[in-house]
Amino acid sequence: MDEKLREKLCDMFDRAPASVGEFRDIVRLLVSHLSLSAAEAEIMAWDAEGRDPDNFDRLRARAWDFIEAGNIACRRRLFAGFVTTGEPTNGYSADYLIDFALESGVCASDVFAAMTAFRPASSH
């Protein structure tokens, strides 16, 4: 991703952090560009079915239990953050989300589209 575009996204999230709901909507769009593993599909089904709190601890532990490195680790962190993030996403965390999405195989234009999809057009 072009550095100017990355800075623009991070600045946008610093000015107006994403709510937890917006963060989850962004990740859902990002994930729609990936072929999911069984564990990833289970996380997305849990989310689609209303995030049953009885399964939260199990899925949180499963999502963060990995030893992979590189692109696979970024992908695992994308899903682990989706399960566990419970605070607004600012420019610092947006920067990490961009990295995790790109390293997971989502192209830069799709990352930009997802991260701006829930923002007023005037803020882009």
Protein backbone atom coordinates (compact mmCIF):
# COMPACT_ATOMS: atom_id res chain seq x y z
CA MET A 1 0.00 0.00 0.00
CA ASP A 2 1.22 3.46 -0.89
CA GLU A 3 2.61 5.25 2.20
CA LYS A 4 0.53 8.38 1.58
CA LEU A 5 -2.64 6.30 1.47
CA ARG A 6 -1.65 4.44 4.64
CA GLU A 7 -0.95 7.72 6.43
CA LYS A 8 -4.29 9.08 5.25
CA LEU A 9 -6.12 6.06 6.70
CA CYS A 10 -4.22 6.21 10.00
CA ASP A 11 -4.85 9.95 10.31
CA MET A 12 -8.54 9.37 9.59
CA PHE A 13 -8.76 6.84 12.43
CA ASP A 14 -6.76 9.10 14.76
CA ARG A 15 -9.21 11.94 14.13
CA ALA A 16 -12.25 9.70 14.58
CA PRO A 17 -11.50 6.27 16.08
CA ALA A 18 -13.63 3.40 14.85
CA SER A 19 -16.14 2.01 17.30
CA VAL A 20 -15.98 -1.70 18.08
CA GLY A 21 -18.93 -2.20 15.73
CA GLU A 22 -17.22 -0.35 12.88
CA PHE A 23 -14.01 -2.32 13.46
CA ARG A 24 -15.96 -5.57 13.20
CA ASP A 25 -17.71 -4.37 10.03
CA ILE A 26 -14.32 -3.52 8.51
CA VAL A 27 -12.90 -6.94 9.36
CA ARG A 28 -15.99 -8.67 7.94
CA LEU A 29 -15.35 -6.87 4.63
CA LEU A 30 -11.65 -7.75 4.71
CA VAL A 31 -12.39 -11.40 5.47
CA SER A 32 -14.85 -11.57 2.57
CA HIS A 33 -11.79 -11.51 0.27
CA LEU A 34 -10.23 -14.63 1.85
CA SER A 35 -10.82 -18.35 1.55
CA LEU A 36 -11.46 -19.42 5.12
CA SER A 37 -10.01 -22.33 7.03
CA ALA A 38 -12.35 -24.38 9.23
CA ALA A 39 -11.28 -22.42 12.34
CA GLU A 40 -11.76 -19.08 10.58
CA ALA A 41 -15.16 -20.16 9.29
CA GLU A 42 -16.15 -21.12 12.83
CA ILE A 43 -15.20 -17.65 14.08
CA MET A 44 -17.20 -15.97 11.33
CA ALA A 45 -20.21 -18.22 11.96
CA TRP A 46 -20.03 -17.41 15.69
CA ASP A 47 -20.03 -13.72 14.81
CA ALA A 48 -22.89 -14.06 12.30
CA GLU A 49 -24.98 -15.94 14.86
CA GLY A 50 -24.69 -13.16 17.44
CA ARG A 51 -21.38 -13.86 19.23
CA ASP A 52 -22.69 -16.36 21.79
CA PRO A 53 -20.88 -15.49 25.05
CA ASP A 54 -20.77 -19.17 26.03
CA ASN A 55 -18.32 -19.78 23.18
CA PHE A 56 -16.26 -16.62 23.61
CA ASP A 57 -13.56 -18.01 25.92
CA ARG A 58 -13.07 -21.12 23.79
CA LEU A 59 -12.83 -19.15 20.54
CA ARG A 60 -10.62 -16.47 22.08
CA ALA A 61 -8.18 -19.10 23.34
CA ARG A 62 -8.26 -20.95 20.02
CA ALA A 63 -7.77 -17.75 18.00
CA TRP A 64 -4.71 -16.64 20.01
CA ASP A 65 -3.16 -20.12 20.27
CA PHE A 66 -0.74 -20.16 17.36
CA ILE A 67 2.97 -20.49 16.76
CA GLU A 68 3.08 -19.52 13.10
CA ALA A 69 5.16 -16.59 11.89
CA GLY A 70 5.07 -14.31 8.86
CA ASN A 71 1.97 -14.07 6.69
CA ILE A 72 0.20 -16.88 8.51
CA ALA A 73 0.71 -15.14 11.86
CA CYS A 74 -0.71 -11.90 10.44
CA ARG A 75 -3.75 -13.78 9.25
CA ARG A 76 -4.19 -15.44 12.65
CA ARG A 77 -3.89 -12.04 14.37
CA LEU A 78 -6.55 -10.61 12.06
CA PHE A 79 -9.04 -13.22 13.28
CA ALA A 80 -7.87 -13.13 16.91
CA GLY A 81 -8.33 -9.37 16.99
CA PHE A 82 -11.76 -9.77 15.44
CA VAL A 83 -12.79 -12.08 18.28
CA THR A 84 -11.29 -10.06 21.13
CA THR A 85 -11.08 -6.35 20.28
CA GLY A 86 -13.34 -4.42 22.57
CA GLU A 87 -12.18 -0.83 22.25
CA PRO A 88 -12.11 1.88 19.57
CA THR A 89 -9.63 1.47 16.73
CA ASN A 90 -7.39 4.54 16.36
CA GLY A 91 -4.63 5.27 13.84
CA TYR A 92 -2.12 3.08 15.67
CA SER A 93 -4.40 0.06 15.64
CA ALA A 94 -5.59 0.90 12.11
CA ASP A 95 -1.96 0.68 11.00
CA TYR A 96 -1.72 -2.82 12.43
CA LEU A 97 -5.03 -3.81 10.84
CA ILE A 98 -3.73 -2.64 7.45
CA ASP A 99 -0.58 -4.76 7.89
CA PHE A 100 -2.50 -7.84 9.02
CA ALA A 101 -4.94 -7.55 6.11
CA LEU A 102 -2.24 -7.00 3.48
CA GLU A 103 -0.11 -9.84 4.80
CA SER A 104 -3.18 -12.09 4.88
CA GLY A 105 -3.61 -11.62 1.15
CA VAL A 106 -6.16 -8.80 0.89
CA CYS A 107 -5.08 -6.38 -1.85
CA ALA A 108 -4.42 -2.72 -1.01
CA SER A 109 -7.47 -1.41 -2.88
CA ASP A 110 -9.75 -3.79 -0.96
CA VAL A 111 -8.14 -2.75 2.34
CA PHE A 112 -8.75 0.91 1.52
CA ALA A 113 -12.35 0.20 0.46
CA ALA A 114 -13.08 -1.75 3.65
CA MET A 115 -11.52 0.83 5.93
CA THR A 116 -13.45 3.70 4.37
CA ALA A 117 -16.75 1.89 3.75
CA PHE A 118 -18.31 3.04 7.03
CA ARG A 119 -16.85 6.54 7.06
CA PRO A 120 -18.51 9.70 5.76
CA ALA A 121 -17.32 10.39 2.19
CA SER A 122 -16.02 13.80 3.31
CA SER A 123 -13.47 12.14 5.61
CA HIS A 124 -11.69 10.19 2.81
